[in-house]
Amino acid sequence: MYTLYAISNCDTVKKARVWLAEHGIDYQFHDYKKQGIDQEIIERWLTQKPWEELINRAGLTWKKIPEAEKPTNANGAIALMIEKTSVIRRPLIEANGKIMALGFNADQYKETFSN
């Protein structure tokens, strides 16, 4: 079973959810805006991706953070992602503890979910 980590009102997430529905991919939706995110989950992600890839630098939340308060290492990034979940790049799809997809790209999804 896949878990899609995201926030429900994100346009990119909406595109990903439509793609998954159209291709019959079942998943559990974890809205970290409403449900939060555990440090343990973020640390698991960090064993697979650098913190810089997990941060959504294009988002408004990130842009509003003063430069002096932006993280410069994984520990700072973890604290920020827990405090301001909107900075986590989305959607992030995981299965059995493994990141299957980060962000939305139809071609990548086709390759990832066709197996």
C-alpha atoms as a PDB file:
ATOM      1  CA  MET A   1       0.000   0.000   0.000  1.00  0.00           C
ATOM      2  CA  TYR A   2       1.243   3.430  -0.920  1.00  0.00           C
ATOM      3  CA  THR A   3       1.070   6.443   1.352  1.00  0.00           C
ATOM      4  CA  LEU A   4       0.830   9.838  -0.300  1.00  0.00           C
ATOM      5  CA  TYR A   5       2.175  12.564   1.998  1.00  0.00           C
ATOM      6  CA  ALA A   6       1.020  16.037   1.067  1.00  0.00           C
ATOM      7  CA  ILE A   7      -1.503  18.771   1.728  1.00  0.00           C
ATOM      8  CA  SER A   8      -4.890  18.562   0.104  1.00  0.00           C
ATOM      9  CA  ASN A   9      -5.148  22.042  -1.422  1.00  0.00           C
ATOM     10  CA  CYS A  10      -1.887  21.924  -3.415  1.00  0.00           C
ATOM     11  CA  ASP A  11      -2.363  22.019  -7.202  1.00  0.00           C
ATOM     12  CA  THR A  12       0.537  19.627  -7.824  1.00  0.00           C
ATOM     13  CA  VAL A  13      -0.949  17.177  -5.335  1.00  0.00           C
ATOM     14  CA  LYS A  14      -4.324  17.433  -7.057  1.00  0.00           C
ATOM     15  CA  LYS A  15      -2.675  16.512 -10.382  1.00  0.00           C
ATOM     16  CA  ALA A  16      -0.916  13.553  -8.779  1.00  0.00           C
ATOM     17  CA  ARG A  17      -4.127  12.329  -7.146  1.00  0.00           C
ATOM     18  CA  VAL A  18      -5.998  12.537 -10.465  1.00  0.00           C
ATOM     19  CA  TRP A  19      -3.214  10.603 -12.207  1.00  0.00           C
ATOM     20  CA  LEU A  20      -3.221   7.905  -9.517  1.00  0.00           C
ATOM     21  CA  ALA A  21      -7.028   7.597  -9.662  1.00  0.00           C
ATOM     22  CA  GLU A  22      -7.024   7.365 -13.465  1.00  0.00           C
ATOM     23  CA  HIS A  23      -4.449   4.544 -13.267  1.00  0.00           C
ATOM     24  CA  GLY A  24      -6.194   2.642 -10.475  1.00  0.00           C
ATOM     25  CA  ILE A  25      -3.407   3.118  -7.940  1.00  0.00           C
ATOM     26  CA  ASP A  26      -4.655   2.739  -4.365  1.00  0.00           C
ATOM     27  CA  TYR A  27      -3.056   4.857  -1.677  1.00  0.00           C
ATOM     28  CA  GLN A  28      -3.593   6.215   1.775  1.00  0.00           C
ATOM     29  CA  PHE A  29      -3.548  10.028   1.994  1.00  0.00           C
ATOM     30  CA  HIS A  30      -1.605  11.601   4.847  1.00  0.00           C
ATOM     31  CA  ASP A  31      -2.343  15.331   5.058  1.00  0.00           C
ATOM     32  CA  TYR A  32       0.542  16.613   7.110  1.00  0.00           C
ATOM     33  CA  LYS A  33      -1.118  20.008   7.386  1.00  0.00           C
ATOM     34  CA  LYS A  34      -3.893  18.352   9.409  1.00  0.00           C
ATOM     35  CA  GLN A  35      -2.151  15.238  10.755  1.00  0.00           C
ATOM     36  CA  GLY A  36       1.357  16.587  11.240  1.00  0.00           C
ATOM     37  CA  ILE A  37       4.523  14.681  10.523  1.00  0.00           C
ATOM     38  CA  ASP A  38       6.766  12.708  12.868  1.00  0.00           C
ATOM     39  CA  GLN A  39      10.498  13.270  13.160  1.00  0.00           C
ATOM     40  CA  GLU A  40      10.971   9.523  12.678  1.00  0.00           C
ATOM     41  CA  ILE A  41       9.315   9.665   9.240  1.00  0.00           C
ATOM     42  CA  ILE A  42      11.434  12.621   8.141  1.00  0.00           C
ATOM     43  CA  GLU A  43      14.589  10.886   9.366  1.00  0.00           C
ATOM     44  CA  ARG A  44      13.622   7.798   7.323  1.00  0.00           C
ATOM     45  CA  TRP A  45      13.230   9.999   4.250  1.00  0.00           C
ATOM     46  CA  LEU A  46      16.624  11.543   4.933  1.00  0.00           C
ATOM     47  CA  THR A  47      18.248   8.112   4.608  1.00  0.00           C
ATOM     48  CA  GLN A  48      17.039   8.163   0.990  1.00  0.00           C
ATOM     49  CA  LYS A  49      17.117  11.805  -0.072  1.00  0.00           C
ATOM     50  CA  PRO A  50      19.187  14.799   1.032  1.00  0.00           C
ATOM     51  CA  TRP A  51      17.266  17.367   3.044  1.00  0.00           C
ATOM     52  CA  GLU A  52      17.682  19.889   0.232  1.00  0.00           C
ATOM     53  CA  GLU A  53      15.490  17.699  -2.021  1.00  0.00           C
ATOM     54  CA  LEU A  54      12.790  17.351   0.631  1.00  0.00           C
ATOM     55  CA  ILE A  55      12.363  21.118   0.998  1.00  0.00           C
ATOM     56  CA  ASN A  56      10.002  22.907  -1.378  1.00  0.00           C
ATOM     57  CA  ARG A  57      12.061  26.000  -2.145  1.00  0.00           C
ATOM     58  CA  ALA A  58       9.558  27.208  -4.739  1.00  0.00           C
ATOM     59  CA  GLY A  59       6.760  27.519  -2.196  1.00  0.00           C
ATOM     60  CA  LEU A  60       5.515  30.638  -0.484  1.00  0.00           C
ATOM     61  CA  THR A  61       6.218  29.233   2.983  1.00  0.00           C
ATOM     62  CA  TRP A  62       9.927  28.861   2.176  1.00  0.00           C
ATOM     63  CA  LYS A  63      10.131  32.271   0.520  1.00  0.00           C
ATOM     64  CA  LYS A  64       8.648  33.939   3.612  1.00  0.00           C
ATOM     65  CA  ILE A  65      11.339  32.526   5.899  1.00  0.00           C
ATOM     66  CA  PRO A  66      14.120  35.067   6.529  1.00  0.00           C
ATOM     67  CA  GLU A  67      17.477  33.925   5.137  1.00  0.00           C
ATOM     68  CA  ALA A  68      19.000  33.832   8.624  1.00  0.00           C
ATOM     69  CA  GLU A  69      16.312  31.327   9.733  1.00  0.00           C
ATOM     70  CA  LYS A  70      16.603  28.929   6.782  1.00  0.00           C
ATOM     71  CA  PRO A  71      18.223  25.602   7.645  1.00  0.00           C
ATOM     72  CA  THR A  72      21.823  24.919   6.764  1.00  0.00           C
ATOM     73  CA  ASN A  73      21.874  21.253   7.809  1.00  0.00           C
ATOM     74  CA  ALA A  74      19.630  18.202   8.226  1.00  0.00           C
ATOM     75  CA  ASN A  75      18.801  18.890  11.876  1.00  0.00           C
ATOM     76  CA  GLY A  76      17.617  22.399  11.063  1.00  0.00           C
ATOM     77  CA  ALA A  77      15.616  21.056   8.114  1.00  0.00           C
ATOM     78  CA  ILE A  78      13.929  18.421  10.293  1.00  0.00           C
ATOM     79  CA  ALA A  79      12.887  21.051  12.841  1.00  0.00           C
ATOM     80  CA  LEU A  80      11.571  23.300  10.074  1.00  0.00           C
ATOM     81  CA  MET A  81       9.613  20.493   8.358  1.00  0.00           C
ATOM     82  CA  ILE A  82       7.951  19.578  11.657  1.00  0.00           C
ATOM     83  CA  GLU A  83       7.123  23.201  12.482  1.00  0.00           C
ATOM     84  CA  LYS A  84       6.096  24.326   8.980  1.00  0.00           C
ATOM     85  CA  THR A  85       4.908  21.234   7.130  1.00  0.00           C
ATOM     86  CA  SER A  86       4.158  23.290   4.019  1.00  0.00           C
ATOM     87  CA  VAL A  87       7.897  23.434   3.291  1.00  0.00           C
ATOM     88  CA  ILE A  88       7.992  19.692   2.599  1.00  0.00           C
ATOM     89  CA  ARG A  89       8.128  19.016  -1.129  1.00  0.00           C
ATOM     90  CA  ARG A  90       4.957  17.350  -2.282  1.00  0.00           C
ATOM     91  CA  PRO A  91       3.598  14.975  -3.033  1.00  0.00           C
ATOM     92  CA  LEU A  92       5.863  12.388  -1.519  1.00  0.00           C
ATOM     93  CA  ILE A  93       4.737   8.808  -2.125  1.00  0.00           C
ATOM     94  CA  GLU A  94       6.132   6.041   0.016  1.00  0.00           C
ATOM     95  CA  ALA A  95       5.686   2.270   0.120  1.00  0.00           C
ATOM     96  CA  ASN A  96       7.152   0.012   2.799  1.00  0.00           C
ATOM     97  CA  GLY A  97       9.337   2.845   4.062  1.00  0.00           C
ATOM     98  CA  LYS A  98      10.791   3.580   0.616  1.00  0.00           C
ATOM     99  CA  ILE A  99      10.239   6.851  -1.247  1.00  0.00           C
ATOM    100  CA  MET A 100       8.676   5.915  -4.582  1.00  0.00           C
ATOM    101  CA  ALA A 101       8.094   9.429  -5.925  1.00  0.00           C
ATOM    102  CA  LEU A 102       8.832  13.004  -4.890  1.00  0.00           C
ATOM    103  CA  GLY A 103       6.895  15.722  -6.644  1.00  0.00           C
ATOM    104  CA  PHE A 104       4.697  14.975  -9.645  1.00  0.00           C
ATOM    105  CA  ASN A 105       5.889  13.990 -13.081  1.00  0.00           C
ATOM    106  CA  ALA A 106       3.501  11.908 -15.206  1.00  0.00           C
ATOM    107  CA  ASP A 107       6.335  10.101 -17.020  1.00  0.00           C
ATOM    108  CA  GLN A 108       8.060   9.216 -13.746  1.00  0.00           C
ATOM    109  CA  TYR A 109       4.749   8.028 -12.269  1.00  0.00           C
ATOM    110  CA  LYS A 110       4.111   5.854 -15.333  1.00  0.00           C
ATOM    111  CA  GLU A 111       7.521   4.225 -14.927  1.00  0.00           C
ATOM    112  CA  THR A 112       7.272   3.887 -11.133  1.00  0.00           C
ATOM    113  CA  PHE A 113       3.734   2.555 -10.894  1.00  0.00           C
ATOM    114  CA  SER A 114       3.658   0.294 -13.967  1.00  0.00           C
ATOM    115  CA  ASN A 115       5.586  -2.455 -12.193  1.00  0.00           C
END
